[in-house]
Amino acid sequence: MSRRLRLISLISLIFLALTISGCADTNNDTNNNPLKYTRNSSGEAVITGCNADVTTLTVPAQIDGHPVVSIGSGAFFNYVNLKEVIIEEGVKIIESSAFEHCTSLASVTIPDSLESIGDSAFSTCTSLNEISIAEHSALKNVGKLAFYGCNAFEFNEFDNAKYIPKAKNAYFILYETKDKEITSCEINSMSEIIAAEAFTECIKIAELTVPENIKYIGDSAFKTCSKLGNIYFYAKIPDKTELNPIFEKVGSVSTPVTITIGKNLTEIPDYLFSSIYRLVNVVFEDGTLCTSIGEGAFYNCNFLSSVTLPASVENIGARAFEACENLQMISLNNSSLKFIGENAFYECDSLIGVDITDKKAFCECEYENKYSSPLSNGQAVIVYNGNSTSNLILPEGITKISANAFSGYKKLNKIIIPKSVTVIEEGAFADCEGLSEIYYADSASAFSALEIQSSNEAITDAVIYYYSSTSPTAPGNFWCYVNGIPGIWENNQ
């Protein structure tokens, strides 16, 4: 290869490197300063900075033909000459510390498209006095300390809390409380977002209502509010995660917690009430429309001892009550129940009673695994009409006994299975070690036609009695009702 050819190749490589790293002259600020960027796996641009002397900055919707999705973490950290930032429509994320310690920054314009402002994004921007948020903002998340130390900004105040406005809503974001010593706070009914850690360590507040208009709540929003004993929750918010609960460590040894769930809340989001240290009581308002308990909704609520779910509930999510170590009674008082997710009652070792009013719904509900059944710990018994029982009468009309339905029901001794049942699914009676007698409401030939799937040894090992309304003449085990009580025909061996 000639020297000239090698030189051309070197120049080509340098040009390619500049294209990939994304240093582009966008002519987007008063200093004509090129923005730097990288591209994510989808080919979208992430702004990473520019010359530190910039004073006015416009973050464009596109750069070199690539849509700009976010302003990267620390992209403009400590740009002390920066005075104004305009973010164009299309940008969705301002990552953590993106503009932290831009001490001359006075004005920020945020587009409708922006969905998230990260932790410390504008922290210690001491000159920031104008935050312009459009009327139809898609904002969903405001991270912790996002505007910490923005002393020049005049927050709107309402009953012990500070708010950031948007067009036509003076109380759009509840950013933080007035101080940590407040004893009460009425959240403004116009507010749509509660920022991360907004109420954290407000150790004197005793009661709080989260109004229906709230759409998003940041991580750890109410963490360590140790005196917060009464929570009235009406908001319809997206799911949370196990790692970022919003009520973590609420309550204390001396402050038990009661949660009242508003009647218009149709779904309890994933992990919404997880890890509430002293949650002891859950109340659903009369006329509740709640149909779904989300994944991990009450995960790790160690002091919760009893829960009554309303008749409207159709689905209980995976891990919904997992690790509720002191839960003793769960009431499934409904005919709507259709699904219980995996491990919904895993490590509920104190559960001793499962109160049901509709045996058909309980039998035909889908249980995702063994620990979906509230009977799975081996200690619980079914409570029906106020009485716990080891002898269970299943009513006519039930067509199947679902997989895992009675799994672990070790205290089950006798059961009447109606002739309407056509299938006993896999593991429906797994680990039912105490089951000794089955009363089948039809003939032996009908029982032989019944589909009994695997892991139901408790059924096949039990003594089976077949129904006969008159004294049988054939040998075998038979039963009938005597004054409404099952009785065995004698001398038919």
Protein backbone atom coordinates (compact mmCIF):
# COMPACT_ATOMS: atom_id res chain seq x y z
CA MET A 1 0.00 0.00 0.00
CA SER A 2 1.45 3.44 -0.93
CA ARG A 3 2.04 6.17 1.62
CA ARG A 4 -0.68 8.33 -0.05
CA LEU A 5 -3.18 5.46 0.14
CA ARG A 6 -2.39 4.85 3.79
CA LEU A 7 -2.95 8.54 4.51
CA ILE A 8 -6.36 8.49 2.80
CA SER A 9 -7.31 5.38 4.78
CA LEU A 10 -6.30 7.07 8.02
CA ILE A 11 -8.39 10.13 7.21
CA SER A 12 -11.36 7.86 6.42
CA LEU A 13 -11.03 6.10 9.77
CA ILE A 14 -10.94 9.43 11.62
CA PHE A 15 -14.05 10.59 9.78
CA LEU A 16 -15.86 7.33 10.63
CA ALA A 17 -14.93 7.66 14.30
CA LEU A 18 -16.30 11.20 14.43
CA THR A 19 -19.53 10.04 12.83
CA ILE A 20 -20.03 7.22 15.35
CA SER A 21 -19.17 9.34 18.42
CA GLY A 22 -21.50 12.03 17.12
CA CYS A 23 -19.81 15.37 17.27
CA ALA A 24 -22.06 17.42 15.02
CA ASP A 25 -22.39 21.10 14.29
CA THR A 26 -26.10 21.72 14.81
CA ASN A 27 -25.91 25.54 14.85
CA ASN A 28 -28.20 25.41 17.85
CA ASP A 29 -26.90 28.04 20.25
CA THR A 30 -25.59 31.59 20.42
CA ASN A 31 -22.01 30.33 20.42
CA ASN A 32 -22.58 28.18 17.32
CA ASN A 33 -21.40 25.30 19.49
CA PRO A 34 -21.59 21.69 18.18
CA LEU A 35 -23.35 19.13 20.33
CA LYS A 36 -21.77 15.80 21.16
CA TYR A 37 -23.83 12.64 21.22
CA THR A 38 -23.82 8.88 21.18
CA ARG A 39 -26.38 6.51 19.72
CA ASN A 40 -28.29 3.88 21.62
CA SER A 41 -29.10 0.38 20.36
CA SER A 42 -32.12 1.74 18.49
CA GLY A 43 -30.03 4.33 16.66
CA GLU A 44 -31.45 7.23 18.65
CA ALA A 45 -29.19 10.05 19.75
CA VAL A 46 -28.29 10.69 23.38
CA ILE A 47 -26.80 14.14 23.91
CA THR A 48 -23.59 13.98 25.95
CA GLY A 49 -22.39 17.60 25.99
CA CYS A 50 -20.78 20.39 24.02
CA ASN A 51 -18.25 23.16 24.55
CA ALA A 52 -18.46 24.33 28.15
CA ASP A 53 -18.58 28.01 27.12
CA VAL A 54 -22.11 27.71 25.74
CA THR A 55 -24.61 30.26 27.07
CA THR A 56 -27.80 29.41 25.19
CA LEU A 57 -28.60 25.84 24.21
CA THR A 58 -31.31 24.33 22.04
CA VAL A 59 -31.55 20.56 22.21
CA PRO A 60 -32.93 19.57 18.79
CA ALA A 61 -35.44 16.91 17.88
CA GLN A 62 -32.91 15.42 15.43
CA ILE A 63 -29.17 15.47 14.97
CA ASP A 64 -27.44 14.21 11.84
CA GLY A 65 -30.73 12.54 10.91
CA HIS A 66 -30.99 10.66 14.22
CA PRO A 67 -33.96 11.39 16.53
CA VAL A 68 -32.81 12.77 19.87
CA VAL A 69 -34.36 10.69 22.65
CA SER A 70 -32.53 11.93 25.74
CA ILE A 71 -30.03 14.25 27.34
CA GLY A 72 -27.46 11.98 28.91
CA SER A 73 -26.41 11.65 32.52
CA GLY A 74 -24.15 14.54 33.51
CA ALA A 75 -24.15 15.87 29.94
CA PHE A 76 -23.93 19.54 30.97
CA PHE A 77 -22.79 19.13 34.55
CA ASN A 78 -21.14 22.30 35.88
CA TYR A 79 -21.61 24.32 32.68
CA VAL A 80 -21.48 27.53 34.67
CA ASN A 81 -21.91 29.83 31.65
CA LEU A 82 -25.14 28.23 30.47
CA LYS A 83 -28.10 30.59 30.90
CA GLU A 84 -30.95 29.22 28.82
CA VAL A 85 -32.02 25.75 27.66
CA ILE A 86 -34.74 25.06 25.08
CA ILE A 87 -35.62 21.41 24.53
CA GLU A 88 -37.44 20.70 21.28
CA GLU A 89 -40.48 18.47 20.86
CA GLY A 90 -39.50 14.80 20.56
CA VAL A 91 -36.95 14.58 23.36
CA LYS A 92 -38.26 12.23 26.07
CA ILE A 93 -35.72 12.01 28.87
CA ILE A 94 -33.46 14.27 30.89
CA GLU A 95 -31.13 11.86 32.66
CA SER A 96 -29.62 12.23 36.13
CA SER A 97 -27.45 15.29 36.82
CA ALA A 98 -27.80 16.40 33.18
CA PHE A 99 -27.73 20.09 34.14
CA GLU A 100 -26.55 19.82 37.72
CA HIS A 101 -24.67 22.83 39.07
CA CYS A 102 -25.30 25.03 36.05
CA THR A 103 -25.25 28.01 38.36
CA SER A 104 -26.08 30.64 35.70
CA LEU A 105 -28.98 28.71 34.18
CA ALA A 106 -32.09 30.88 34.51
CA SER A 107 -34.63 29.44 32.06
CA VAL A 108 -35.64 25.95 30.88
CA THR A 109 -38.31 25.16 28.30
CA ILE A 110 -39.64 21.59 28.50
CA PRO A 111 -41.64 20.12 25.57
CA ASP A 112 -44.82 18.08 25.69
CA SER A 113 -42.87 14.98 24.69
CA LEU A 114 -40.63 14.90 27.78
CA GLU A 115 -41.54 11.94 30.02
CA SER A 116 -38.84 11.86 32.69
CA ILE A 117 -36.60 14.24 34.63
CA GLY A 118 -33.89 12.25 36.37
CA ASP A 119 -32.39 12.48 39.83
CA SER A 120 -30.53 15.77 40.47
CA ALA A 121 -31.18 16.81 36.86
CA PHE A 122 -31.20 20.54 37.76
CA SER A 123 -29.75 20.29 41.25
CA THR A 124 -28.00 23.44 42.51
CA CYS A 125 -29.00 25.49 39.47
CA THR A 126 -29.10 28.44 41.83
CA SER A 127 -30.21 31.00 39.24
CA LEU A 128 -33.05 28.96 37.76
CA ASN A 129 -36.21 31.07 38.01
CA GLU A 130 -38.28 29.93 35.03
CA ILE A 131 -39.43 26.37 34.21
CA SER A 132 -41.80 26.36 31.25
CA ILE A 133 -43.89 23.19 30.91
CA ALA A 134 -46.50 22.96 28.17
CA GLU A 135 -50.17 22.27 28.84
CA HIS A 136 -50.22 18.77 27.37
CA SER A 137 -47.05 17.55 29.03
CA ALA A 138 -46.39 13.80 28.93
CA LEU A 139 -44.22 14.00 32.04
CA LYS A 140 -44.42 10.86 34.21
CA ASN A 141 -41.41 10.98 36.49
CA VAL A 142 -39.58 13.62 38.49
CA GLY A 143 -36.57 12.10 40.22
CA LYS A 144 -35.24 12.78 43.69
CA LEU A 145 -33.50 16.11 44.22
CA ALA A 146 -34.31 17.02 40.60
CA PHE A 147 -34.55 20.73 41.53
CA TYR A 148 -32.62 20.69 44.79
CA GLY A 149 -31.05 24.04 45.65
CA CYS A 150 -32.91 25.96 42.91
CA ASN A 151 -33.29 28.82 45.32
CA ALA A 152 -34.25 31.43 42.72
CA PHE A 153 -37.30 29.48 41.60
CA GLU A 154 -40.59 30.53 43.16
CA PHE A 155 -42.56 27.36 43.81
CA ASN A 156 -46.32 27.59 44.14
CA GLU A 157 -47.40 26.63 47.64
CA PHE A 158 -50.53 24.93 48.91
CA ASP A 159 -51.04 23.57 52.43
CA ASN A 160 -47.45 22.73 53.37
CA ALA A 161 -46.29 21.57 49.93
CA LYS A 162 -44.37 23.15 47.04
CA TYR A 163 -45.52 22.76 43.44
CA ILE A 164 -44.07 23.27 39.95
CA PRO A 165 -46.69 24.56 37.50
CA LYS A 166 -47.41 23.91 33.85
CA ALA A 167 -49.57 25.91 31.49
CA LYS A 168 -53.09 26.14 32.97
CA ASN A 169 -52.21 24.13 36.09
CA ALA A 170 -50.46 25.90 38.93
CA TYR A 171 -50.09 22.66 40.91
CA PHE A 172 -48.92 20.19 38.25
CA ILE A 173 -45.99 18.64 40.20
CA LEU A 174 -45.92 18.28 43.97
CA TYR A 175 -42.15 18.56 44.28
CA GLU A 176 -41.58 18.54 48.03
CA THR A 177 -43.11 19.46 51.35
CA LYS A 178 -42.52 22.84 52.93
CA ASP A 179 -40.25 21.13 55.50
CA LYS A 180 -39.88 17.79 57.26
CA GLU A 181 -41.70 18.97 60.41
CA ILE A 182 -45.18 19.30 58.93
CA THR A 183 -47.99 17.45 60.70
CA SER A 184 -50.53 17.57 57.85
CA CYS A 185 -50.74 18.15 54.11
CA GLU A 186 -53.71 18.32 51.78
CA ILE A 187 -52.50 17.44 48.29
CA ASN A 188 -54.01 19.86 45.81
CA SER A 189 -56.72 18.20 43.74
CA MET A 190 -55.19 19.60 40.51
CA SER A 191 -51.84 17.95 41.10
CA GLU A 192 -50.89 15.16 38.67
CA ILE A 193 -47.39 14.11 39.78
CA ILE A 194 -45.78 13.51 43.16
CA ALA A 195 -42.00 13.68 42.78
CA ALA A 196 -39.66 11.02 44.14
CA GLU A 197 -39.02 11.38 47.89
CA ALA A 198 -41.47 14.30 48.09
CA PHE A 199 -42.63 13.30 51.59
CA THR A 200 -39.63 11.23 52.67
CA GLU A 201 -38.82 11.53 56.38
CA CYS A 202 -41.87 13.67 57.17
CA ILE A 203 -41.94 11.92 60.53
CA LYS A 204 -44.81 13.94 62.05
CA ILE A 205 -47.49 13.64 59.37
CA ALA A 206 -50.25 11.32 60.57
CA GLU A 207 -52.84 11.20 57.80
CA LEU A 208 -52.74 11.63 54.03
CA THR A 209 -55.19 11.49 51.12
CA VAL A 210 -53.80 10.76 47.66
CA PRO A 211 -56.45 12.26 45.36
CA GLU A 212 -57.88 10.76 42.20
CA ASN A 213 -56.18 13.25 39.87
CA ILE A 214 -52.69 11.98 40.74
CA LYS A 215 -51.34 10.01 37.78
CA TYR A 216 -47.72 9.32 38.75
CA ILE A 217 -45.90 8.91 42.05
CA GLY A 218 -42.11 8.86 42.25
CA ASP A 219 -39.98 6.26 44.00
CA SER A 220 -39.87 6.39 47.80
CA ALA A 221 -42.31 9.31 47.79
CA PHE A 222 -43.49 8.54 51.34
CA LYS A 223 -40.52 6.57 52.66
CA THR A 224 -39.98 6.57 56.45
CA CYS A 225 -43.09 8.60 57.25
CA SER A 226 -43.05 6.81 60.57
CA LYS A 227 -46.18 8.45 62.03
CA LEU A 228 -48.33 8.07 58.93
CA GLY A 229 -51.09 5.84 60.24
CA ASN A 230 -53.98 6.56 57.87
CA ILE A 231 -53.66 6.56 54.09
CA TYR A 232 -56.66 7.22 51.85
CA PHE A 233 -55.74 6.21 48.32
CA TYR A 234 -57.82 7.21 45.28
CA ALA A 235 -55.21 7.61 42.51
CA LYS A 236 -54.93 5.47 39.39
CA ILE A 237 -51.19 5.20 38.83
CA PRO A 238 -48.93 2.87 36.79
CA ASP A 239 -47.35 -0.21 38.33
CA LYS A 240 -44.37 0.11 40.68
CA THR A 241 -41.58 -2.41 41.30
CA GLU A 242 -40.33 -4.39 44.26
CA LEU A 243 -37.13 -2.34 44.32
CA ASN A 244 -38.88 1.04 44.35
CA PRO A 245 -41.96 0.98 46.57
CA ILE A 246 -43.48 4.34 47.41
CA PHE A 247 -44.66 3.63 50.97
CA GLU A 248 -41.56 1.79 52.22
CA LYS A 249 -41.13 1.90 56.01
CA VAL A 250 -44.32 3.88 56.57
CA GLY A 251 -45.60 3.47 60.13
CA SER A 252 -43.71 2.18 63.14
CA VAL A 253 -44.05 -0.03 66.20
CA SER A 254 -46.20 2.64 67.84
CA THR A 255 -48.06 3.61 64.65
CA PRO A 256 -50.05 0.84 62.93
CA VAL A 257 -51.14 1.71 59.40
CA THR A 258 -54.62 1.52 57.87
CA ILE A 259 -55.09 1.93 54.12
CA THR A 260 -58.48 2.86 52.72
CA ILE A 261 -58.83 2.16 49.00
CA GLY A 262 -61.19 4.40 47.06
CA LYS A 263 -64.21 2.84 45.42
CA ASN A 264 -63.28 4.05 41.92
CA LEU A 265 -59.83 2.45 41.97
CA THR A 266 -60.33 -0.50 39.61
CA GLU A 267 -56.81 -1.94 39.92
CA ILE A 268 -54.26 -1.90 42.71
CA PRO A 269 -50.96 -1.38 40.87
CA ASP A 270 -48.02 -3.76 41.20
CA TYR A 271 -46.09 -3.35 44.47
CA LEU A 272 -48.09 -0.25 45.41
CA PHE A 273 -48.37 -1.07 49.11
CA SER A 274 -45.37 -3.41 49.40
CA SER A 275 -43.03 -3.25 52.39
CA ILE A 276 -45.29 -1.09 54.55
CA TYR A 277 -43.72 -2.00 57.85
CA ARG A 278 -46.78 -1.75 60.12
CA LEU A 279 -49.72 -2.20 57.73
CA VAL A 280 -52.40 -3.92 59.79
CA ASN A 281 -55.66 -3.06 58.05
CA VAL A 282 -56.84 -2.75 54.44
CA VAL A 283 -60.30 -1.28 53.86
CA PHE A 284 -62.14 -1.16 50.53
CA GLU A 285 -64.77 1.56 50.35
CA ASP A 286 -68.36 0.43 49.94
CA GLY A 287 -69.33 0.01 46.32
CA THR A 288 -65.73 -0.59 45.26
CA LEU A 289 -65.06 -1.30 41.58
CA CYS A 290 -61.71 -2.97 42.22
CA THR A 291 -61.26 -6.01 39.96
CA SER A 292 -57.51 -6.64 40.21
CA ILE A 293 -54.87 -6.88 42.94
CA GLY A 294 -51.53 -6.26 41.24
CA GLU A 295 -48.33 -8.26 41.44
CA GLY A 296 -46.71 -7.86 44.85
CA ALA A 297 -49.35 -5.30 45.84
CA PHE A 298 -48.99 -6.23 49.53
CA TYR A 299 -45.65 -8.02 49.32
CA ASN A 300 -43.68 -8.11 52.58
CA CYS A 301 -46.34 -6.41 54.71
CA ASN A 302 -45.25 -8.35 57.78
CA PHE A 303 -47.89 -7.16 60.23
CA LEU A 304 -50.93 -7.58 58.02
CA SER A 305 -53.07 -10.18 59.80
CA SER A 306 -56.40 -10.16 57.97
CA VAL A 307 -57.70 -9.07 54.56
CA THR A 308 -61.22 -9.15 53.17
CA LEU A 309 -61.28 -8.82 49.40
CA PRO A 310 -64.45 -7.38 47.85
CA ALA A 311 -66.83 -9.31 45.62
CA SER A 312 -65.62 -7.39 42.57
CA VAL A 313 -62.08 -8.83 42.59
CA GLU A 314 -61.39 -11.12 39.62
CA ASN A 315 -57.60 -11.38 39.61
CA ILE A 316 -54.95 -11.61 42.32
CA GLY A 317 -51.48 -11.04 40.90
CA ALA A 318 -48.29 -13.01 41.42
CA ARG A 319 -46.67 -12.44 44.83
CA ALA A 320 -49.62 -10.28 45.89
CA PHE A 321 -49.37 -11.37 49.54
CA GLU A 322 -45.99 -13.08 49.47
CA ALA A 323 -43.98 -12.84 52.70
CA CYS A 324 -46.95 -11.51 54.69
CA GLU A 325 -45.64 -13.59 57.57
CA ASN A 326 -48.42 -12.72 60.03
CA LEU A 327 -51.38 -12.98 57.67
CA GLN A 328 -53.85 -15.29 59.40
CA MET A 329 -57.11 -14.85 57.50
CA ILE A 330 -57.91 -14.09 53.87
CA SER A 331 -61.55 -13.66 52.87
CA LEU A 332 -62.40 -14.37 49.24
CA ASN A 333 -66.01 -13.36 49.48
CA ASN A 334 -66.90 -13.24 45.83
CA SER A 335 -68.16 -15.17 42.82
CA SER A 336 -65.98 -13.22 40.36
CA LEU A 337 -62.61 -14.77 41.17
CA LYS A 338 -60.91 -16.07 38.02
CA PHE A 339 -57.13 -16.06 38.49
CA ILE A 340 -54.48 -16.13 41.23
CA GLY A 341 -50.86 -15.64 40.13
CA GLU A 342 -47.80 -17.64 41.11
CA ASN A 343 -46.57 -17.41 44.69
CA ALA A 344 -49.45 -15.12 45.65
CA PHE A 345 -49.45 -16.68 49.13
CA TYR A 346 -45.86 -17.92 49.32
CA GLU A 347 -44.32 -17.66 52.81
CA CYS A 348 -47.67 -16.84 54.39
CA ASP A 349 -46.77 -19.28 57.13
CA SER A 350 -49.31 -18.00 59.68
CA LEU A 351 -52.33 -18.30 57.39
CA ILE A 352 -54.87 -20.53 59.14
CA GLY A 353 -58.20 -19.54 57.57
CA VAL A 354 -59.52 -19.02 54.03
CA ASP A 355 -63.03 -17.62 54.17
CA ILE A 356 -65.05 -18.30 51.02
CA THR A 357 -68.67 -17.69 50.08
CA ASP A 358 -68.63 -19.20 46.59
CA LYS A 359 -67.22 -22.71 46.39
CA LYS A 360 -67.71 -22.88 42.62
CA ALA A 361 -65.59 -19.78 42.04
CA PHE A 362 -62.89 -21.14 44.35
CA CYS A 363 -62.81 -24.53 42.60
CA GLU A 364 -62.80 -23.17 39.06
CA CYS A 365 -60.39 -20.29 39.59
CA GLU A 366 -57.03 -20.63 37.78
CA TYR A 367 -54.11 -21.07 40.19
CA GLU A 368 -50.79 -20.45 38.46
CA ASN A 369 -48.75 -22.65 40.81
CA LYS A 370 -48.96 -24.44 44.14
CA TYR A 371 -48.37 -21.28 46.16
CA SER A 372 -51.17 -19.49 44.35
CA SER A 373 -53.55 -21.37 46.62
CA PRO A 374 -54.05 -19.80 50.03
CA LEU A 375 -54.26 -23.35 51.41
CA SER A 376 -50.71 -24.19 50.32
CA ASN A 377 -48.92 -23.69 53.65
CA GLY A 378 -50.52 -26.84 55.08
CA GLN A 379 -52.01 -25.05 58.11
CA ALA A 380 -54.98 -23.23 56.62
CA VAL A 381 -58.53 -24.51 56.53
CA ILE A 382 -61.55 -23.33 54.60
CA VAL A 383 -64.05 -21.25 56.52
CA TYR A 384 -67.59 -21.39 55.16
CA ASN A 385 -70.58 -19.62 56.70
CA GLY A 386 -68.40 -18.70 59.64
CA ASN A 387 -67.33 -22.25 60.43
CA SER A 388 -63.95 -23.79 59.71
CA THR A 389 -64.20 -27.27 58.27
CA SER A 390 -62.11 -30.29 57.46
CA ASN A 391 -65.12 -31.81 55.68
CA LEU A 392 -66.06 -30.05 52.47
CA ILE A 393 -69.28 -30.25 50.48
CA LEU A 394 -68.87 -29.04 46.89
CA PRO A 395 -72.20 -28.00 45.32
CA GLU A 396 -73.67 -29.29 42.08
CA GLY A 397 -72.80 -27.10 39.10
CA ILE A 398 -69.03 -27.18 39.51
CA THR A 399 -67.56 -28.54 36.27
CA LYS A 400 -63.88 -28.71 37.20
CA ILE A 401 -61.56 -28.58 40.17
CA SER A 402 -58.65 -26.49 38.98
CA ALA A 403 -54.98 -27.34 39.22
CA ASN A 404 -53.57 -26.49 42.68
CA ALA A 405 -56.97 -25.42 44.06
CA PHE A 406 -56.71 -27.46 47.27
CA SER A 407 -52.97 -28.11 47.11
CA GLY A 408 -51.53 -28.32 50.60
CA TYR A 409 -54.92 -28.59 52.33
CA LYS A 410 -53.56 -31.12 54.80
CA LYS A 411 -56.46 -30.73 57.20
CA LEU A 412 -59.01 -31.77 54.59
CA ASN A 413 -60.50 -35.08 55.78
CA LYS A 414 -63.68 -35.70 53.77
CA ILE A 415 -65.10 -34.18 50.59
CA ILE A 416 -68.29 -34.51 48.55
CA ILE A 417 -67.62 -34.21 44.81
CA PRO A 418 -70.72 -33.47 42.70
CA LYS A 419 -71.51 -35.41 39.54
CA SER A 420 -71.26 -32.21 37.49
CA VAL A 421 -67.46 -32.32 37.83
CA THR A 422 -65.85 -33.63 34.65
CA VAL A 423 -62.17 -33.05 35.41
CA ILE A 424 -59.88 -32.81 38.43
CA GLU A 425 -56.84 -31.00 37.12
CA GLU A 426 -53.19 -31.66 37.88
CA GLY A 427 -52.27 -31.26 41.54
CA ALA A 428 -55.74 -30.10 42.57
CA PHE A 429 -55.39 -32.20 45.73
CA ALA A 430 -51.59 -32.44 45.92
CA ASP A 431 -50.25 -32.89 49.48
CA CYS A 432 -53.74 -33.37 50.93
CA GLU A 433 -52.34 -35.93 53.34
CA GLY A 434 -55.40 -36.02 55.61
CA LEU A 435 -57.94 -36.80 52.89
CA SER A 436 -59.34 -40.22 53.76
CA GLU A 437 -62.89 -40.34 52.36
CA ILE A 438 -64.47 -39.13 49.12
CA TYR A 439 -68.22 -39.05 48.63
CA TYR A 440 -68.95 -39.00 44.91
CA ALA A 441 -72.47 -37.96 43.93
CA ASP A 442 -72.84 -40.52 41.16
CA SER A 443 -72.06 -44.13 40.30
CA ALA A 444 -68.79 -46.02 40.20
CA SER A 445 -68.93 -46.13 36.40
CA ALA A 446 -69.36 -42.35 36.25
CA PHE A 447 -66.40 -41.92 38.57
CA SER A 448 -64.32 -44.12 36.28
CA ALA A 449 -65.11 -41.75 33.42
CA LEU A 450 -64.00 -38.73 35.46
CA GLU A 451 -60.70 -37.27 34.21
CA ILE A 452 -58.29 -37.23 37.13
CA GLN A 453 -54.98 -35.73 36.12
CA SER A 454 -51.56 -36.37 37.70
CA SER A 455 -50.39 -35.48 41.21
CA ASN A 456 -53.77 -36.32 42.76
CA GLU A 457 -52.74 -39.40 44.73
CA ALA A 458 -54.85 -38.14 47.62
CA ILE A 459 -57.94 -38.86 45.47
CA THR A 460 -56.92 -42.28 44.23
CA ASP A 461 -55.65 -43.39 47.67
CA ALA A 462 -58.79 -42.35 49.58
CA VAL A 463 -61.81 -44.56 50.26
CA ILE A 464 -64.46 -43.64 47.68
CA TYR A 465 -68.19 -43.88 48.36
CA TYR A 466 -70.70 -43.75 45.50
CA TYR A 467 -74.16 -42.24 45.77
CA SER A 468 -77.25 -44.43 46.05
CA SER A 469 -80.59 -43.00 47.09
CA THR A 470 -81.90 -46.47 47.97
CA SER A 471 -80.34 -49.38 49.79
CA PRO A 472 -77.81 -50.83 47.33
CA THR A 473 -77.81 -54.52 46.48
CA ALA A 474 -74.42 -54.58 44.78
CA PRO A 475 -71.24 -54.81 46.84
CA GLY A 476 -69.15 -51.67 47.36
CA ASN A 477 -69.06 -48.42 49.26
CA PHE A 478 -72.20 -46.31 49.05
CA TRP A 479 -73.70 -43.25 50.70
CA CYS A 480 -76.83 -41.13 50.74
CA TYR A 481 -78.21 -38.06 52.48
CA VAL A 482 -79.96 -38.57 55.81
CA ASN A 483 -81.76 -35.41 56.91
CA GLY A 484 -79.36 -33.43 54.74
CA ILE A 485 -76.27 -35.09 56.18
CA PRO A 486 -74.15 -37.66 54.29
CA GLY A 487 -74.55 -41.15 55.67
CA ILE A 488 -72.94 -44.48 54.73
CA TRP A 489 -74.96 -47.52 53.71
CA GLU A 490 -73.81 -50.42 55.83
CA ASN A 491 -73.33 -54.12 55.02
CA ASN A 492 -72.60 -53.72 51.31
CA GLN A 493 -69.18 -55.36 51.19
